[in-house]
Amino acid sequence: MPKTKTHSGAKKRFSLTGTGKIKRKHAYKSHILTKKETKQKRSLTHVALVSKVDENRVLTMLGVK
């Protein structure tokens, strides 16, 4: 059976932690930032984790599973 290719979009957007969790960035932080409050922009800066429901799908795209 051939190897599966890593999803190019997924490898740019997700990264694994040391404990095996998947880090992601928040949405709504890329453009049109003038109308957003400073508090909202600051909270969107922090890294989030992928939910348990989506972990298997993301790991498959990354080629880990």
PDB file of N, CA and C in Angstrom:
ATOM      1  N   MET A   1       0.839  -1.179   0.000  1.00  0.00           N
ATOM      2  CA  MET A   1       0.000   0.000   0.000  1.00  0.00           C
ATOM      3  C   MET A   1       0.893   1.256   0.000  1.00  0.00           C
ATOM      4  N   PRO A   2       0.594   2.239  -0.861  1.00  0.00           N
ATOM      5  CA  PRO A   2       1.453   3.423  -0.924  1.00  0.00           C
ATOM      6  C   PRO A   2       1.259   4.332   0.287  1.00  0.00           C
ATOM      7  N   LYS A   3       2.260   5.159   0.540  1.00  0.00           N
ATOM      8  CA  LYS A   3       2.164   6.120   1.633  1.00  0.00           C
ATOM      9  C   LYS A   3       1.155   7.200   1.261  1.00  0.00           C
ATOM     10  N   THR A   4       0.466   7.724   2.262  1.00  0.00           N
ATOM     11  CA  THR A   4      -0.459   8.819   1.996  1.00  0.00           C
ATOM     12  C   THR A   4       0.284  10.145   2.132  1.00  0.00           C
ATOM     13  N   LYS A   5      -0.069  11.080   1.269  1.00  0.00           N
ATOM     14  CA  LYS A   5       0.579  12.387   1.298  1.00  0.00           C
ATOM     15  C   LYS A   5      -0.003  13.242   2.417  1.00  0.00           C
ATOM     16  N   THR A   6       0.836  14.078   2.978  1.00  0.00           N
ATOM     17  CA  THR A   6       0.404  15.023   3.986  1.00  0.00           C
ATOM     18  C   THR A   6      -0.402  16.133   3.327  1.00  0.00           C
ATOM     19  N   HIS A   7      -1.495  16.536   3.957  1.00  0.00           N
ATOM     20  CA  HIS A   7      -2.333  17.607   3.443  1.00  0.00           C
ATOM     21  C   HIS A   7      -1.576  18.927   3.576  1.00  0.00           C
ATOM     22  N   SER A   8      -1.321  19.594   2.450  1.00  0.00           N
ATOM     23  CA  SER A   8      -0.479  20.794   2.450  1.00  0.00           C
ATOM     24  C   SER A   8      -1.064  21.911   3.294  1.00  0.00           C
ATOM     25  N   GLY A   9      -2.392  22.079   3.251  1.00  0.00           N
ATOM     26  CA  GLY A   9      -3.020  23.126   4.047  1.00  0.00           C
ATOM     27  C   GLY A   9      -2.955  22.822   5.530  1.00  0.00           C
ATOM     28  N   ALA A  10      -3.082  21.546   5.883  1.00  0.00           N
ATOM     29  CA  ALA A  10      -3.084  21.155   7.292  1.00  0.00           C
ATOM     30  C   ALA A  10      -1.706  21.332   7.914  1.00  0.00           C
ATOM     31  N   LYS A  11      -0.655  21.024   7.173  1.00  0.00           N
ATOM     32  CA  LYS A  11       0.688  21.143   7.761  1.00  0.00           C
ATOM     33  C   LYS A  11       1.082  22.593   7.998  1.00  0.00           C
ATOM     34  N   LYS A  12       0.426  23.542   7.282  1.00  0.00           N
ATOM     35  CA  LYS A  12       0.683  24.955   7.517  1.00  0.00           C
ATOM     36  C   LYS A  12      -0.117  25.488   8.703  1.00  0.00           C
ATOM     37  N   ARG A  13      -1.226  24.848   9.023  1.00  0.00           N
ATOM     38  CA  ARG A  13      -2.147  25.389  10.020  1.00  0.00           C
ATOM     39  C   ARG A  13      -2.064  24.734  11.385  1.00  0.00           C
ATOM     40  N   PHE A  14      -1.621  23.504  11.465  1.00  0.00           N
ATOM     41  CA  PHE A  14      -1.614  22.773  12.730  1.00  0.00           C
ATOM     42  C   PHE A  14      -0.207  22.342  13.101  1.00  0.00           C
ATOM     43  N   SER A  15       0.030  22.210  14.421  1.00  0.00           N
ATOM     44  CA  SER A  15       1.289  21.641  14.888  1.00  0.00           C
ATOM     45  C   SER A  15       1.010  20.838  16.144  1.00  0.00           C
ATOM     46  N   LEU A  16       1.834  19.841  16.384  1.00  0.00           N
ATOM     47  CA  LEU A  16       1.639  18.946  17.517  1.00  0.00           C
ATOM     48  C   LEU A  16       2.408  19.444  18.732  1.00  0.00           C
ATOM     49  N   THR A  17       1.831  19.238  19.908  1.00  0.00           N
ATOM     50  CA  THR A  17       2.525  19.541  21.153  1.00  0.00           C
ATOM     51  C   THR A  17       3.309  18.314  21.584  1.00  0.00           C
ATOM     52  N   GLY A  18       4.054  18.443  22.640  1.00  0.00           N
ATOM     53  CA  GLY A  18       4.835  17.313  23.136  1.00  0.00           C
ATOM     54  C   GLY A  18       3.971  16.186  23.668  1.00  0.00           C
ATOM     55  N   THR A  19       2.777  16.532  24.156  1.00  0.00           N
ATOM     56  CA  THR A  19       1.884  15.505  24.708  1.00  0.00           C
ATOM     57  C   THR A  19       0.950  14.925  23.662  1.00  0.00           C
ATOM     58  N   GLY A  20       1.054  15.385  22.407  1.00  0.00           N
ATOM     59  CA  GLY A  20       0.251  14.812  21.333  1.00  0.00           C
ATOM     60  C   GLY A  20      -1.005  15.587  21.006  1.00  0.00           C
ATOM     61  N   LYS A  21      -1.227  16.707  21.671  1.00  0.00           N
ATOM     62  CA  LYS A  21      -2.379  17.535  21.335  1.00  0.00           C
ATOM     63  C   LYS A  21      -2.046  18.367  20.095  1.00  0.00           C
ATOM     64  N   ILE A  22      -3.085  18.920  19.470  1.00  0.00           N
ATOM     65  CA  ILE A  22      -2.895  19.654  18.223  1.00  0.00           C
ATOM     66  C   ILE A  22      -3.186  21.129  18.466  1.00  0.00           C
ATOM     67  N   LYS A  23      -2.198  21.978  18.160  1.00  0.00           N
ATOM     68  CA  LYS A  23      -2.354  23.414  18.317  1.00  0.00           C
ATOM     69  C   LYS A  23      -2.913  24.011  17.026  1.00  0.00           C
ATOM     70  N   ARG A  24      -3.723  25.060  17.199  1.00  0.00           N
ATOM     71  CA  ARG A  24      -4.270  25.795  16.058  1.00  0.00           C
ATOM     72  C   ARG A  24      -4.337  27.264  16.415  1.00  0.00           C
ATOM     73  N   LYS A  25      -4.534  28.093  15.407  1.00  0.00           N
ATOM     74  CA  LYS A  25      -4.694  29.521  15.633  1.00  0.00           C
ATOM     75  C   LYS A  25      -6.175  29.873  15.559  1.00  0.00           C
ATOM     76  N   HIS A  26      -6.525  31.007  16.166  1.00  0.00           N
ATOM     77  CA  HIS A  26      -7.901  31.471  16.131  1.00  0.00           C
ATOM     78  C   HIS A  26      -8.214  32.118  14.788  1.00  0.00           C
ATOM     79  N   ALA A  27      -9.479  32.063  14.402  1.00  0.00           N
ATOM     80  CA  ALA A  27      -9.947  32.754  13.203  1.00  0.00           C
ATOM     81  C   ALA A  27     -10.207  34.219  13.535  1.00  0.00           C
ATOM     82  N   TYR A  28     -10.496  35.016  12.508  1.00  0.00           N
ATOM     83  CA  TYR A  28     -10.862  36.432  12.637  1.00  0.00           C
ATOM     84  C   TYR A  28      -9.713  37.302  13.127  1.00  0.00           C
ATOM     85  N   LYS A  29      -8.471  36.930  12.850  1.00  0.00           N
ATOM     86  CA  LYS A  29      -7.340  37.745  13.281  1.00  0.00           C
ATOM     87  C   LYS A  29      -6.476  38.165  12.091  1.00  0.00           C
ATOM     88  N   SER A  30      -6.952  37.983  10.868  1.00  0.00           N
ATOM     89  CA  SER A  30      -6.091  38.233   9.719  1.00  0.00           C
ATOM     90  C   SER A  30      -6.296  39.601   9.073  1.00  0.00           C
ATOM     91  N   HIS A  31      -7.531  40.086   8.987  1.00  0.00           N
ATOM     92  CA  HIS A  31      -7.759  41.382   8.342  1.00  0.00           C
ATOM     93  C   HIS A  31      -9.025  42.027   8.906  1.00  0.00           C
ATOM     94  N   ILE A  32      -9.288  43.266   8.506  1.00  0.00           N
ATOM     95  CA  ILE A  32     -10.392  44.082   9.024  1.00  0.00           C
ATOM     96  C   ILE A  32     -10.291  44.167  10.545  1.00  0.00           C
ATOM     97  N   LEU A  33      -9.113  44.563  11.024  1.00  0.00           N
ATOM     98  CA  LEU A  33      -8.874  44.609  12.462  1.00  0.00           C
ATOM     99  C   LEU A  33      -9.237  45.950  13.067  1.00  0.00           C
ATOM    100  N   THR A  34      -9.521  46.963  12.243  1.00  0.00           N
ATOM    101  CA  THR A  34      -9.797  48.287  12.779  1.00  0.00           C
ATOM    102  C   THR A  34     -11.127  48.332  13.524  1.00  0.00           C
ATOM    103  N   LYS A  35     -12.093  47.546  13.102  1.00  0.00           N
ATOM    104  CA  LYS A  35     -13.406  47.576  13.755  1.00  0.00           C
ATOM    105  C   LYS A  35     -13.495  46.636  14.953  1.00  0.00           C
ATOM    106  N   LYS A  36     -12.461  45.844  15.202  1.00  0.00           N
ATOM    107  CA  LYS A  36     -12.488  44.921  16.328  1.00  0.00           C
ATOM    108  C   LYS A  36     -11.852  45.564  17.560  1.00  0.00           C
ATOM    109  N   GLU A  37     -12.403  45.243  18.702  1.00  0.00           N
ATOM    110  CA  GLU A  37     -11.890  45.795  19.957  1.00  0.00           C
ATOM    111  C   GLU A  37     -10.504  45.231  20.269  1.00  0.00           C
ATOM    112  N   THR A  38      -9.722  45.987  21.010  1.00  0.00           N
ATOM    113  CA  THR A  38      -8.376  45.553  21.375  1.00  0.00           C
ATOM    114  C   THR A  38      -8.420  44.274  22.199  1.00  0.00           C
ATOM    115  N   LYS A  39      -9.407  44.168  23.064  1.00  0.00           N
ATOM    116  CA  LYS A  39      -9.543  42.977  23.910  1.00  0.00           C
ATOM    117  C   LYS A  39      -9.791  41.727  23.050  1.00  0.00           C
ATOM    118  N   GLN A  40     -10.628  41.862  22.026  1.00  0.00           N
ATOM    119  CA  GLN A  40     -10.912  40.734  21.153  1.00  0.00           C
ATOM    120  C   GLN A  40      -9.663  40.315  20.388  1.00  0.00           C
ATOM    121  N   LYS A  41      -8.934  41.292  19.845  1.00  0.00           N
ATOM    122  CA  LYS A  41      -7.722  40.982  19.084  1.00  0.00           C
ATOM    123  C   LYS A  41      -6.671  40.329  19.970  1.00  0.00           C
ATOM    124  N   ARG A  42      -6.572  40.792  21.204  1.00  0.00           N
ATOM    125  CA  ARG A  42      -5.596  40.237  22.131  1.00  0.00           C
ATOM    126  C   ARG A  42      -5.944  38.786  22.488  1.00  0.00           C
ATOM    127  N   SER A  43      -7.226  38.499  22.664  1.00  0.00           N
ATOM    128  CA  SER A  43      -7.621  37.134  23.020  1.00  0.00           C
ATOM    129  C   SER A  43      -7.492  36.176  21.840  1.00  0.00           C
ATOM    130  N   LEU A  44      -7.600  36.708  20.623  1.00  0.00           N
ATOM    131  CA  LEU A  44      -7.446  35.866  19.430  1.00  0.00           C
ATOM    132  C   LEU A  44      -5.983  35.543  19.153  1.00  0.00           C
ATOM    133  N   THR A  45      -5.065  36.240  19.812  1.00  0.00           N
ATOM    134  CA  THR A  45      -3.640  36.009  19.595  1.00  0.00           C
ATOM    135  C   THR A  45      -3.189  34.676  20.168  1.00  0.00           C
ATOM    136  N   HIS A  46      -3.808  34.266  21.285  1.00  0.00           N
ATOM    137  CA  HIS A  46      -3.364  33.063  21.976  1.00  0.00           C
ATOM    138  C   HIS A  46      -3.670  31.803  21.169  1.00  0.00           C
ATOM    139  N   VAL A  47      -2.843  30.798  21.364  1.00  0.00           N
ATOM    140  CA  VAL A  47      -2.998  29.526  20.654  1.00  0.00           C
ATOM    141  C   VAL A  47      -4.118  28.726  21.294  1.00  0.00           C
ATOM    142  N   ALA A  48      -4.901  28.036  20.463  1.00  0.00           N
ATOM    143  CA  ALA A  48      -5.978  27.177  20.944  1.00  0.00           C
ATOM    144  C   ALA A  48      -5.656  25.738  20.596  1.00  0.00           C
ATOM    145  N   LEU A  49      -6.423  24.814  21.150  1.00  0.00           N
ATOM    146  CA  LEU A  49      -6.254  23.401  20.856  1.00  0.00           C
ATOM    147  C   LEU A  49      -7.432  22.910  20.032  1.00  0.00           C
ATOM    148  N   VAL A  50      -7.169  21.945  19.150  1.00  0.00           N
ATOM    149  CA  VAL A  50      -8.223  21.344  18.353  1.00  0.00           C
ATOM    150  C   VAL A  50      -9.082  20.489  19.262  1.00  0.00           C
ATOM    151  N   SER A  51     -10.402  20.515  19.053  1.00  0.00           N
ATOM    152  CA  SER A  51     -11.309  19.752  19.903  1.00  0.00           C
ATOM    153  C   SER A  51     -11.133  18.247  19.673  1.00  0.00           C
ATOM    154  N   LYS A  52     -11.563  17.478  20.655  1.00  0.00           N
ATOM    155  CA  LYS A  52     -11.431  16.014  20.599  1.00  0.00           C
ATOM    156  C   LYS A  52     -12.135  15.433  19.380  1.00  0.00           C
ATOM    157  N   VAL A  53     -13.267  16.034  19.004  1.00  0.00           N
ATOM    158  CA  VAL A  53     -14.062  15.519  17.886  1.00  0.00           C
ATOM    159  C   VAL A  53     -13.279  15.585  16.578  1.00  0.00           C
ATOM    160  N   ASP A  54     -12.481  16.629  16.407  1.00  0.00           N
ATOM    161  CA  ASP A  54     -11.775  16.847  15.145  1.00  0.00           C
ATOM    162  C   ASP A  54     -10.348  16.304  15.137  1.00  0.00           C
ATOM    163  N   GLU A  55      -9.873  15.790  16.267  1.00  0.00           N
ATOM    164  CA  GLU A  55      -8.473  15.366  16.358  1.00  0.00           C
ATOM    165  C   GLU A  55      -8.122  14.266  15.357  1.00  0.00           C
ATOM    166  N   ASN A  56      -8.977  13.244  15.230  1.00  0.00           N
ATOM    167  CA  ASN A  56      -8.670  12.140  14.308  1.00  0.00           C
ATOM    168  C   ASN A  56      -8.572  12.622  12.874  1.00  0.00           C
ATOM    169  N   ARG A  57      -9.460  13.536  12.482  1.00  0.00           N
ATOM    170  CA  ARG A  57      -9.445  14.049  11.107  1.00  0.00           C
ATOM    171  C   ARG A  57      -8.166  14.835  10.830  1.00  0.00           C
ATOM    172  N   VAL A  58      -7.757  15.659  11.782  1.00  0.00           N
ATOM    173  CA  VAL A  58      -6.550  16.476  11.591  1.00  0.00           C
ATOM    174  C   VAL A  58      -5.306  15.592  11.581  1.00  0.00           C
ATOM    175  N   LEU A  59      -5.253  14.613  12.479  1.00  0.00           N
ATOM    176  CA  LEU A  59      -4.104  13.709  12.506  1.00  0.00           C
ATOM    177  C   LEU A  59      -3.971  12.922  11.208  1.00  0.00           C
ATOM    178  N   THR A  60      -5.113  12.546  10.615  1.00  0.00           N
ATOM    179  CA  THR A  60      -5.085  11.846   9.324  1.00  0.00           C
ATOM    180  C   THR A  60      -4.533  12.761   8.235  1.00  0.00           C
ATOM    181  N   MET A  61      -4.938  14.033   8.247  1.00  0.00           N
ATOM    182  CA  MET A  61      -4.439  14.980   7.251  1.00  0.00           C
ATOM    183  C   MET A  61      -2.950  15.237   7.427  1.00  0.00           C
ATOM    184  N   LEU A  62      -2.484  15.207   8.680  1.00  0.00           N
ATOM    185  CA  LEU A  62      -1.059  15.424   8.939  1.00  0.00           C
ATOM    186  C   LEU A  62      -0.228  14.188   8.648  1.00  0.00           C
ATOM    187  N   GLY A  63      -0.871  13.058   8.436  1.00  0.00           N
ATOM    188  CA  GLY A  63      -0.146  11.830   8.138  1.00  0.00           C
ATOM    189  C   GLY A  63       0.376  11.126   9.376  1.00  0.00           C
ATOM    190  N   VAL A  64      -0.100  11.509  10.560  1.00  0.00           N
ATOM    191  CA  VAL A  64       0.339  10.878  11.798  1.00  0.00           C
ATOM    192  C   VAL A  64      -0.411   9.595  12.018  1.00  0.00           C
ATOM    193  N   LYS A  65      -1.661   9.564  11.629  1.00  0.00           N
ATOM    194  CA  LYS A  65      -2.510   8.395  11.850  1.00  0.00           C
ATOM    195  C   LYS A  65      -2.800   7.679  10.557  1.00  0.00           C
TER     196      LYS A  65
END
